[in-house]
Amino acid sequence: MTGSKRIYALDTNVLLHDPTSLFRFEEHDIFIPMTVLEELDEKKKGGSEVSRNGRQVSRFLNELIERGNGHGISNGLELASPEGLNLRRGDGVGRLYFQQRTTNGHGKADNQILSAVIELRDQNPDRAVVLVSKDINLRIKAKIYGIHAEDYENDRALDDFALLYTGSAELPEDFWERHPEVESWNERGRTFYRLAPRADEEWYPNQCLYLPGENSVELRVLQADGAQATLALLDDHSHANHSVWGIAARNREQNFALNVLMDPEVDFVTLLGTAGTGKTLLALAAGLAQVMDQQRYREIIMTRATVSVGEDIGFLPGTEEEKMTPWMGALTDNLEVLANPEEGGAWGRQATNDLLASRIKIRSLNFMRGRTFLNRYLIIDEAQNLTSKQMKTLITRAGPGTKIVCLGNVEQIDTPYLTETTSGLTYAVDRFKGWTHSAHITLRRGERSRLADFASEAL
């Protein structure tokens, strides 16, 4: 290995997190320690996402070896990406090297990987050697030994989570004065505006705009390009006579959310917010209104990432739905609010609960691969715990007439190796913000209780 290109030594968790990471280091070279191959072999059995990724890495490595006819291993295998992988990369192609002999590392696999990287650095004093790992402790060990170590961040949607698209924006007080040429008209009971956005007004489809103050107004961007934008006056769901399944918006962001949730032209909605902002309640209320009253969808399907907060309580008995029920406490709590008829007493409440439960199906993420949902209202709860690949697997399940609603709070990520900037929910918000049939709303105000509000701020 000669030249000025860097050598990136990959840890096992990087390959298990993203099998295509082999081809994402541009013109630089890749080094894989023997311990990493042994760990991949241990992880290959099973039906989990990690096991599938482990098998995919092995297939990639085998394809690269076969492409080199088995002769180029000692001299490095060319890292040309396989056909069908749509990777955005530069013109340069690096080479893949394997550890040729065992090192003096003993005990933990991390120590053996570290020993292999130290030997690699000593053999290549003229080149920069970088250890890439998602394990913080291994990166700390590497830096103690003077080895440069980095996190794998190629799947990071944003450099800073604070830059994430919020889905709404405040308009300046002189907004109407800045647009004297605005054209307005009424159509089917709705008010529309057409105007030319100024240079500092960069709007996205279905972004919600509001003008505070005495002349307050709330608008939604229906169409926007560089030359012209079409805005629509939002429905006011804050009054009881215009509530959705008995739920009225308690703040501006909740009104934004109900507007996009009830719009049949919006196929994909993401709701981001801390605990108590009403994400699940709003999504369920809109779903029930469109399933039971409008009959726009056949049923509601609800799923979530089954990541425990505390110690795992072991295997759960019963069918798929019965196994998922303990994870769906949020569904049960919100149904108690939504299924509360004023008349009929306990029998009436039970009958309503049974009716609603018959139109709500609980499904596990583990069995989503290969399915297609037709005319369904799909709610993905705790979406912050999904990787970008898992998010893609779920969203591509949508068939004709299906609406997907993703809910999550990136401050409560429980999945190892995921952060605010690499979560699948963040990834989806960033990638879908420019699509005409998607919408995102960040809910900021908690509406549970003064106790919950104070706890979220003080603790």
Protein backbone atom coordinates (compact mmCIF):
# COMPACT_ATOMS: atom_id res chain seq x y z
CA MET A 1 0.00 0.00 0.00
CA THR A 2 1.72 3.12 -1.20
CA GLY A 3 0.68 6.63 -2.11
CA SER A 4 -0.88 9.63 -0.42
CA LYS A 5 -4.40 8.25 -0.16
CA ARG A 6 -5.79 7.55 3.33
CA ILE A 7 -6.44 4.05 4.62
CA TYR A 8 -9.72 3.56 6.49
CA ALA A 9 -9.88 0.56 8.82
CA LEU A 10 -13.52 -0.42 9.31
CA ASP A 11 -14.96 -1.80 12.53
CA THR A 12 -17.63 -4.53 12.40
CA ASN A 13 -20.41 -2.22 13.61
CA VAL A 14 -19.87 0.10 10.63
CA LEU A 15 -20.44 -2.72 8.14
CA LEU A 16 -23.44 -4.05 10.09
CA HIS A 17 -24.92 -0.56 10.24
CA ASP A 18 -24.45 0.12 6.52
CA PRO A 19 -23.24 -2.71 4.23
CA THR A 20 -22.62 -0.20 1.42
CA SER A 21 -20.05 1.62 3.58
CA LEU A 22 -17.40 -0.42 1.70
CA PHE A 23 -18.02 1.78 -1.35
CA ARG A 24 -18.47 5.17 0.34
CA PHE A 25 -14.89 6.29 0.92
CA GLU A 26 -14.30 7.74 -2.57
CA GLU A 27 -10.73 7.18 -3.81
CA HIS A 28 -9.36 6.10 -0.42
CA ASP A 29 -8.42 2.53 0.54
CA ILE A 30 -10.25 0.22 2.95
CA PHE A 31 -8.66 -2.20 5.42
CA ILE A 32 -10.62 -5.00 7.10
CA PRO A 33 -9.04 -6.81 10.08
CA MET A 34 -9.50 -10.59 10.35
CA THR A 35 -11.41 -10.14 13.62
CA VAL A 36 -14.05 -8.15 11.73
CA LEU A 37 -14.60 -11.07 9.33
CA GLU A 38 -14.95 -13.43 12.29
CA GLU A 39 -17.53 -11.14 13.93
CA LEU A 40 -19.45 -10.89 10.65
CA ASP A 41 -19.57 -14.69 10.54
CA GLU A 42 -21.05 -14.77 14.05
CA LYS A 43 -23.76 -12.25 13.14
CA LYS A 44 -24.93 -13.84 9.87
CA LYS A 45 -27.58 -16.16 11.34
CA GLY A 46 -31.10 -14.93 12.07
CA GLY A 47 -33.81 -12.76 10.58
CA SER A 48 -32.91 -9.46 12.23
CA GLU A 49 -31.78 -6.37 10.34
CA VAL A 50 -28.24 -6.83 11.72
CA SER A 51 -28.11 -10.42 10.46
CA ARG A 52 -29.36 -9.41 7.02
CA ASN A 53 -26.73 -6.66 6.85
CA GLY A 54 -24.02 -9.14 7.89
CA ARG A 55 -24.98 -11.48 5.06
CA GLN A 56 -25.05 -8.58 2.59
CA VAL A 57 -21.52 -7.53 3.56
CA SER A 58 -20.30 -11.11 2.99
CA ARG A 59 -21.94 -11.13 -0.46
CA PHE A 60 -20.28 -7.81 -1.34
CA LEU A 61 -16.87 -9.11 -0.23
CA ASN A 62 -17.32 -12.37 -2.15
CA GLU A 63 -18.31 -10.46 -5.29
CA LEU A 64 -15.21 -8.26 -5.04
CA ILE A 65 -12.97 -11.32 -4.61
CA GLU A 66 -14.56 -13.15 -7.57
CA ARG A 67 -14.26 -10.03 -9.71
CA GLY A 68 -10.51 -10.06 -8.98
CA ASN A 69 -10.33 -13.80 -9.86
CA GLY A 70 -8.74 -14.47 -6.49
CA HIS A 71 -5.38 -13.05 -7.57
CA GLY A 72 -5.60 -9.48 -6.37
CA ILE A 73 -6.15 -9.93 -2.63
CA SER A 74 -2.57 -9.24 -1.57
CA ASN A 75 -2.36 -6.24 -3.91
CA GLY A 76 -5.83 -4.97 -2.99
CA LEU A 77 -9.20 -5.43 -4.67
CA GLU A 78 -10.67 -2.58 -6.70
CA LEU A 79 -13.67 -1.13 -4.83
CA ALA A 80 -15.96 -0.59 -7.82
CA SER A 81 -19.54 -0.55 -6.51
CA PRO A 82 -21.78 -3.43 -7.68
CA GLU A 83 -24.46 -2.91 -10.30
CA GLY A 84 -27.76 -1.68 -8.94
CA LEU A 85 -26.22 0.36 -6.12
CA ASN A 86 -27.07 4.00 -6.79
CA LEU A 87 -24.23 5.62 -4.83
CA ARG A 88 -23.29 9.28 -5.17
CA ARG A 89 -19.50 9.31 -5.27
CA GLY A 90 -16.54 10.93 -6.97
CA ASP A 91 -14.45 9.68 -9.86
CA GLY A 92 -11.77 7.92 -7.79
CA VAL A 93 -11.96 4.25 -6.76
CA GLY A 94 -10.01 2.90 -3.80
CA ARG A 95 -8.81 -0.61 -3.06
CA LEU A 96 -9.78 -3.14 -0.42
CA TYR A 97 -7.13 -4.84 1.73
CA PHE A 98 -7.53 -7.64 4.25
CA GLN A 99 -5.34 -8.40 7.24
CA GLN A 100 -2.84 -10.94 5.91
CA ARG A 101 -1.68 -12.43 9.22
CA THR A 102 -2.81 -12.53 12.82
CA THR A 103 -1.49 -9.93 15.25
CA ASN A 104 -0.53 -10.03 18.90
CA GLY A 105 -3.96 -8.83 20.03
CA HIS A 106 -5.54 -10.99 22.74
CA GLY A 107 -8.80 -11.08 24.60
CA LYS A 108 -11.56 -8.76 23.43
CA ALA A 109 -12.26 -8.41 19.73
CA ASP A 110 -11.88 -4.61 20.05
CA ASN A 111 -8.31 -5.06 21.28
CA GLN A 112 -7.47 -7.38 18.39
CA ILE A 113 -8.89 -4.87 15.89
CA LEU A 114 -6.88 -2.11 17.58
CA SER A 115 -3.71 -4.24 17.42
CA ALA A 116 -4.26 -4.85 13.69
CA VAL A 117 -4.69 -1.11 13.02
CA ILE A 118 -1.53 -0.27 15.00
CA GLU A 119 0.43 -2.78 12.91
CA LEU A 120 -1.11 -1.31 9.73
CA ARG A 121 0.00 2.18 10.80
CA ASP A 122 3.55 0.96 11.50
CA GLN A 123 3.72 -0.71 8.07
CA ASN A 124 2.55 2.49 6.32
CA PRO A 125 4.34 5.40 8.02
CA ASP A 126 3.86 7.62 4.96
CA ARG A 127 0.06 7.29 4.89
CA ALA A 128 -2.74 8.46 7.14
CA VAL A 129 -4.48 5.51 8.82
CA VAL A 130 -7.98 6.16 10.22
CA LEU A 131 -10.06 3.78 12.31
CA VAL A 132 -13.79 4.13 11.55
CA SER A 133 -16.07 2.83 14.30
CA LYS A 134 -19.46 3.59 15.79
CA ASP A 135 -18.18 2.34 19.16
CA ILE A 136 -17.22 5.37 21.26
CA ASN A 137 -15.06 3.32 23.65
CA LEU A 138 -13.02 1.83 20.80
CA ARG A 139 -12.47 5.33 19.37
CA ILE A 140 -11.23 6.48 22.80
CA LYS A 141 -8.82 3.51 23.00
CA ALA A 142 -7.54 4.27 19.50
CA LYS A 143 -6.84 7.91 20.36
CA ILE A 144 -4.94 6.82 23.48
CA TYR A 145 -2.64 4.84 21.17
CA GLY A 146 -2.25 7.83 18.86
CA ILE A 147 -4.52 6.45 16.10
CA HIS A 148 -6.92 8.85 14.45
CA ALA A 149 -10.47 7.52 14.91
CA GLU A 150 -13.78 8.74 13.47
CA ASP A 151 -17.46 7.91 13.64
CA TYR A 152 -19.11 6.68 10.43
CA GLU A 153 -21.29 9.59 9.37
CA ASN A 154 -21.94 8.99 5.70
CA ASP A 155 -25.63 8.35 6.44
CA ARG A 156 -25.95 11.57 8.41
CA ALA A 157 -28.82 13.62 7.02
CA LEU A 158 -27.62 16.93 8.52
CA ASP A 159 -24.47 18.42 9.99
CA ASP A 160 -26.48 20.00 12.80
CA PHE A 161 -29.91 18.89 14.01
CA ALA A 162 -30.85 22.53 14.63
CA LEU A 163 -30.88 22.98 10.84
CA LEU A 164 -33.67 20.42 10.38
CA TYR A 165 -36.70 21.63 8.45
CA THR A 166 -39.52 22.48 10.91
CA GLY A 167 -42.41 22.56 8.43
CA SER A 168 -43.59 26.02 9.46
CA ALA A 169 -42.34 29.60 9.29
CA GLU A 170 -43.39 32.99 10.65
CA LEU A 171 -44.15 35.67 8.09
CA PRO A 172 -42.98 39.30 8.58
CA GLU A 173 -45.56 41.84 9.74
CA ASP A 174 -45.37 43.69 6.41
CA PHE A 175 -45.93 40.50 4.40
CA TRP A 176 -48.97 41.80 2.49
CA GLU A 177 -47.27 45.17 1.82
CA ARG A 178 -44.30 43.27 0.34
CA HIS A 179 -46.69 41.51 -2.06
CA PRO A 180 -49.05 44.15 -3.48
CA GLU A 181 -49.51 42.05 -6.62
CA VAL A 182 -51.12 39.14 -4.70
CA GLU A 183 -54.05 37.46 -6.45
CA SER A 184 -56.79 35.87 -4.33
CA TRP A 185 -59.89 33.80 -5.13
CA ASN A 186 -62.39 31.43 -3.49
CA GLU A 187 -63.01 27.91 -4.67
CA ARG A 188 -65.17 25.22 -3.02
CA GLY A 189 -65.31 27.18 0.22
CA ARG A 190 -61.54 27.75 0.46
CA THR A 191 -59.49 30.89 -0.06
CA PHE A 192 -56.38 30.79 -2.25
CA TYR A 193 -53.58 33.28 -2.93
CA ARG A 194 -51.09 33.46 -5.78
CA LEU A 195 -47.96 35.59 -5.52
CA ALA A 196 -44.31 35.79 -6.51
CA PRO A 197 -41.97 34.82 -3.61
CA ARG A 198 -39.09 37.16 -2.87
CA ALA A 199 -35.48 36.00 -2.74
CA ASP A 200 -35.55 35.51 1.05
CA GLU A 201 -38.80 33.51 0.94
CA GLU A 202 -37.69 29.94 0.29
CA TRP A 203 -40.81 27.82 0.74
CA TYR A 204 -41.44 24.09 0.40
CA PRO A 205 -44.65 22.30 -0.64
CA ASN A 206 -47.14 21.98 2.26
CA GLN A 207 -45.07 24.24 4.49
CA CYS A 208 -47.32 26.13 6.93
CA LEU A 209 -46.90 29.90 7.19
CA TYR A 210 -48.39 32.15 9.87
CA LEU A 211 -48.72 35.86 10.45
CA PRO A 212 -48.99 36.61 14.21
CA GLY A 213 -50.64 39.60 15.82
CA GLU A 214 -54.09 41.16 15.47
CA ASN A 215 -54.38 40.35 11.76
CA SER A 216 -53.21 36.78 12.31
CA VAL A 217 -53.53 34.40 9.39
CA GLU A 218 -52.42 30.81 8.80
CA LEU A 219 -51.55 29.61 5.29
CA ARG A 220 -50.23 26.49 3.62
CA VAL A 221 -47.98 26.42 0.57
CA LEU A 222 -49.67 24.28 -2.09
CA GLN A 223 -47.18 24.91 -4.86
CA ALA A 224 -43.91 26.80 -4.97
CA ASP A 225 -41.20 27.36 -7.53
CA GLY A 226 -38.79 30.19 -8.08
CA ALA A 227 -41.29 32.38 -9.91
CA GLN A 228 -44.68 31.73 -8.33
CA ALA A 229 -46.31 30.28 -5.21
CA THR A 230 -49.88 29.22 -4.47
CA LEU A 231 -51.02 29.51 -0.85
CA ALA A 232 -54.26 28.32 0.77
CA LEU A 233 -55.93 29.55 3.93
CA LEU A 234 -55.82 26.81 6.58
CA ASP A 235 -58.93 25.34 8.19
CA ASP A 236 -59.32 26.37 11.82
CA HIS A 237 -59.55 23.19 13.89
CA SER A 238 -59.23 25.02 17.20
CA HIS A 239 -63.00 25.37 17.63
CA ALA A 240 -65.16 22.51 18.87
CA ASN A 241 -67.56 22.81 15.92
CA HIS A 242 -64.66 22.10 13.53
CA SER A 243 -62.90 19.45 15.60
CA VAL A 244 -61.55 16.17 14.22
CA TRP A 245 -63.19 13.13 15.91
CA GLY A 246 -63.84 15.33 18.94
CA ILE A 247 -60.25 16.64 19.11
CA ALA A 248 -59.68 20.37 18.72
CA ALA A 249 -56.25 21.92 18.14
CA ARG A 250 -54.86 23.53 21.29
CA ASN A 251 -52.08 25.48 19.59
CA ARG A 252 -50.92 26.66 16.18
CA GLU A 253 -48.72 23.65 15.39
CA GLN A 254 -51.50 21.20 16.24
CA ASN A 255 -53.79 23.05 13.83
CA PHE A 256 -51.08 22.76 11.15
CA ALA A 257 -50.81 19.02 11.86
CA LEU A 258 -54.57 18.39 11.63
CA ASN A 259 -54.73 20.24 8.31
CA VAL A 260 -52.08 18.07 6.65
CA LEU A 261 -53.33 14.87 8.30
CA MET A 262 -56.84 15.44 6.92
CA ASP A 263 -55.68 16.35 3.39
CA PRO A 264 -56.03 13.35 1.00
CA GLU A 265 -53.44 14.93 -1.33
CA VAL A 266 -50.73 14.52 1.34
CA ASP A 267 -49.57 10.88 1.30
CA PHE A 268 -46.70 11.13 3.78
CA VAL A 269 -46.72 13.10 7.06
CA THR A 270 -43.98 13.34 9.69
CA LEU A 271 -44.73 14.74 13.14
CA LEU A 272 -41.77 15.57 15.36
CA GLY A 273 -42.12 16.68 18.96
CA THR A 274 -41.32 16.05 22.60
CA ALA A 275 -43.50 14.01 24.95
CA GLY A 276 -47.00 15.39 25.39
CA THR A 277 -47.24 17.49 22.24
CA GLY A 278 -50.15 15.38 20.95
CA LYS A 279 -48.52 13.49 18.07
CA THR A 280 -50.28 10.15 18.60
CA LEU A 281 -53.63 11.67 19.56
CA LEU A 282 -53.75 13.90 16.48
CA ALA A 283 -52.68 11.08 14.13
CA LEU A 284 -55.29 8.68 15.58
CA ALA A 285 -58.10 11.26 15.57
CA ALA A 286 -57.43 12.11 11.91
CA GLY A 287 -57.18 8.42 11.07
CA LEU A 288 -60.48 7.52 12.75
CA ALA A 289 -62.28 10.46 11.10
CA GLN A 290 -61.12 9.31 7.67
CA VAL A 291 -61.69 5.59 8.28
CA MET A 292 -65.01 5.69 10.16
CA ASP A 293 -66.71 8.85 8.89
CA GLN A 294 -65.28 9.61 5.45
CA GLN A 295 -64.37 5.95 4.67
CA ARG A 296 -61.34 7.19 2.78
CA TYR A 297 -59.22 4.33 4.13
CA ARG A 298 -60.17 0.75 4.98
CA GLU A 299 -58.45 0.58 8.37
CA ILE A 300 -55.71 2.00 10.57
CA ILE A 301 -52.48 0.02 10.90
CA MET A 302 -50.21 0.99 13.77
CA THR A 303 -46.66 -0.20 14.32
CA ARG A 304 -43.56 0.90 16.19
CA ALA A 305 -39.93 -0.01 16.78
CA THR A 306 -39.88 -2.45 19.73
CA VAL A 307 -36.93 -1.03 21.65
CA SER A 308 -37.10 -1.43 25.43
CA VAL A 309 -36.42 1.56 27.67
CA GLY A 310 -35.43 -0.58 30.65
CA GLU A 311 -34.50 -4.25 31.03
CA ASP A 312 -36.11 -6.60 28.53
CA ILE A 313 -38.89 -8.72 30.09
CA GLY A 314 -38.31 -11.65 27.74
CA PHE A 315 -40.50 -13.29 25.13
CA LEU A 316 -44.18 -12.38 25.07
CA PRO A 317 -46.92 -14.98 24.52
CA GLY A 318 -49.70 -14.96 21.96
CA THR A 319 -50.29 -13.87 18.39
CA GLU A 320 -48.45 -11.07 16.59
CA GLU A 321 -51.05 -8.53 17.75
CA GLU A 322 -50.99 -9.83 21.35
CA LYS A 323 -47.19 -9.66 21.44
CA MET A 324 -47.28 -6.06 20.21
CA THR A 325 -50.00 -4.92 22.65
CA PRO A 326 -47.62 -4.16 25.58
CA TRP A 327 -45.66 -1.86 23.24
CA MET A 328 -48.82 -0.01 22.29
CA GLY A 329 -49.63 1.70 25.58
CA ALA A 330 -49.79 5.04 23.75
CA LEU A 331 -52.51 3.63 21.49
CA THR A 332 -54.57 2.39 24.44
CA ASP A 333 -54.23 5.68 26.34
CA ASN A 334 -55.28 7.76 23.37
CA LEU A 335 -58.21 5.51 22.47
CA GLU A 336 -59.61 6.14 25.95
CA VAL A 337 -59.71 9.83 25.07
CA LEU A 338 -61.15 9.28 21.59
CA ALA A 339 -63.71 6.60 22.54
CA ASN A 340 -65.57 8.46 25.26
CA PRO A 341 -69.23 8.86 24.25
CA GLU A 342 -71.27 11.30 26.30
CA GLU A 343 -74.19 8.89 26.51
CA GLY A 344 -74.42 5.18 27.09
CA GLY A 345 -72.33 4.87 30.25
CA ALA A 346 -69.85 2.01 30.66
CA TRP A 347 -71.66 -0.22 28.12
CA GLY A 348 -71.56 2.56 25.52
CA ARG A 349 -67.86 3.16 26.08
CA GLN A 350 -67.09 -0.56 25.80
CA ALA A 351 -69.11 -0.87 22.59
CA THR A 352 -67.32 2.14 21.10
CA ASN A 353 -63.93 0.74 22.16
CA ASP A 354 -64.72 -2.59 20.50
CA LEU A 355 -65.86 -0.86 17.30
CA LEU A 356 -62.72 1.27 17.07
CA ALA A 357 -60.44 -1.64 17.94
CA SER A 358 -61.94 -3.62 15.05
CA ARG A 359 -60.73 -0.94 12.62
CA ILE A 360 -57.25 -0.59 14.16
CA LYS A 361 -54.68 -3.31 13.53
CA ILE A 362 -51.38 -3.58 15.41
CA ARG A 363 -48.49 -4.97 13.38
CA SER A 364 -44.84 -5.72 14.09
CA LEU A 365 -42.03 -4.13 12.06
CA ASN A 366 -40.33 -7.54 11.86
CA PHE A 367 -42.90 -8.83 9.35
CA MET A 368 -43.19 -5.77 7.09
CA ARG A 369 -40.75 -6.87 4.41
CA GLY A 370 -42.56 -7.86 1.20
CA ARG A 371 -45.97 -6.52 2.27
CA THR A 372 -48.08 -3.99 0.37
CA PHE A 373 -50.78 -1.92 2.07
CA LEU A 374 -53.76 -0.85 -0.05
CA ASN A 375 -56.03 2.01 1.09
CA ARG A 376 -54.64 1.91 4.62
CA TYR A 377 -53.81 4.64 7.12
CA LEU A 378 -50.41 3.54 8.48
CA ILE A 379 -49.04 5.08 11.69
CA ILE A 380 -45.36 4.43 12.52
CA ASP A 381 -44.78 5.36 16.16
CA GLU A 382 -41.35 5.90 17.78
CA ALA A 383 -39.88 6.35 14.29
CA GLN A 384 -36.76 8.00 15.75
CA ASN A 385 -35.48 4.49 16.58
CA LEU A 386 -35.43 3.42 12.91
CA THR A 387 -32.41 3.58 10.65
CA SER A 388 -32.69 5.22 7.24
CA LYS A 389 -32.73 1.75 5.64
CA GLN A 390 -35.57 0.56 7.89
CA MET A 391 -37.49 3.76 7.14
CA LYS A 392 -37.12 3.10 3.41
CA THR A 393 -38.35 -0.48 3.87
CA LEU A 394 -41.49 0.76 5.63
CA ILE A 395 -42.36 3.66 3.35
CA THR A 396 -42.02 1.50 0.24
CA ARG A 397 -44.78 -0.77 1.64
CA ALA A 398 -47.36 1.86 0.62
CA GLY A 399 -49.72 0.81 -2.13
CA PRO A 400 -52.36 2.91 -3.93
CA GLY A 401 -54.51 5.03 -1.62
CA THR A 402 -52.33 4.53 1.47
CA LYS A 403 -51.24 7.34 3.79
CA ILE A 404 -48.20 6.99 6.09
CA VAL A 405 -47.79 9.05 9.27
CA CYS A 406 -44.44 8.89 11.10
CA LEU A 407 -44.29 10.05 14.72
CA GLY A 408 -41.23 10.50 16.90
CA ASN A 409 -39.10 12.42 19.34
CA VAL A 410 -35.39 12.48 18.50
CA GLU A 411 -34.57 13.31 22.13
CA GLN A 412 -35.62 9.75 23.03
CA ILE A 413 -33.49 7.58 20.73
CA ASP A 414 -33.00 4.14 22.32
CA THR A 415 -31.30 2.35 19.39
CA PRO A 416 -27.50 1.90 19.62
CA TYR A 417 -25.41 3.89 17.12
CA LEU A 418 -28.27 6.22 16.10
CA THR A 419 -28.10 9.95 16.81
CA GLU A 420 -30.31 12.95 16.12
CA THR A 421 -28.63 13.53 12.76
CA THR A 422 -28.55 9.87 11.62
CA SER A 423 -32.04 8.76 12.72
CA GLY A 424 -34.30 7.46 9.96
CA LEU A 425 -36.93 10.00 11.00
CA THR A 426 -34.53 12.91 10.50
CA TYR A 427 -33.49 11.36 7.19
CA ALA A 428 -37.12 11.12 6.00
CA VAL A 429 -37.94 14.71 7.02
CA ASP A 430 -34.94 16.06 5.13
CA ARG A 431 -35.44 13.95 1.98
CA PHE A 432 -39.22 14.46 1.66
CA LYS A 433 -39.41 18.20 2.36
CA GLY A 434 -39.44 19.11 -1.35
CA TRP A 435 -42.06 16.56 -2.45
CA THR A 436 -45.53 17.89 -3.31
CA HIS A 437 -47.39 15.08 -1.50
CA SER A 438 -45.54 15.15 1.83
CA ALA A 439 -45.70 17.41 4.88
CA HIS A 440 -43.78 17.83 8.12
CA ILE A 441 -44.72 19.61 11.34
CA THR A 442 -42.55 20.09 14.43
CA LEU A 443 -44.77 20.29 17.51
CA ARG A 444 -43.20 22.38 20.25
CA ARG A 445 -45.79 22.98 22.98
CA GLY A 446 -46.65 20.20 25.41
CA GLU A 447 -50.37 19.84 26.15
CA ARG A 448 -50.41 17.10 28.78
CA SER A 449 -50.34 18.98 32.07
CA ARG A 450 -48.41 21.67 33.90
CA LEU A 451 -46.56 18.88 35.74
CA ALA A 452 -45.45 17.21 32.48
CA ASP A 453 -44.48 20.58 30.95
CA PHE A 454 -42.33 21.52 33.93
CA ALA A 455 -40.74 18.06 34.11
CA SER A 456 -39.74 18.17 30.41
CA GLU A 457 -38.02 21.52 30.97
CA ALA A 458 -36.52 21.07 34.44
CA LEU A 459 -35.40 17.43 34.44
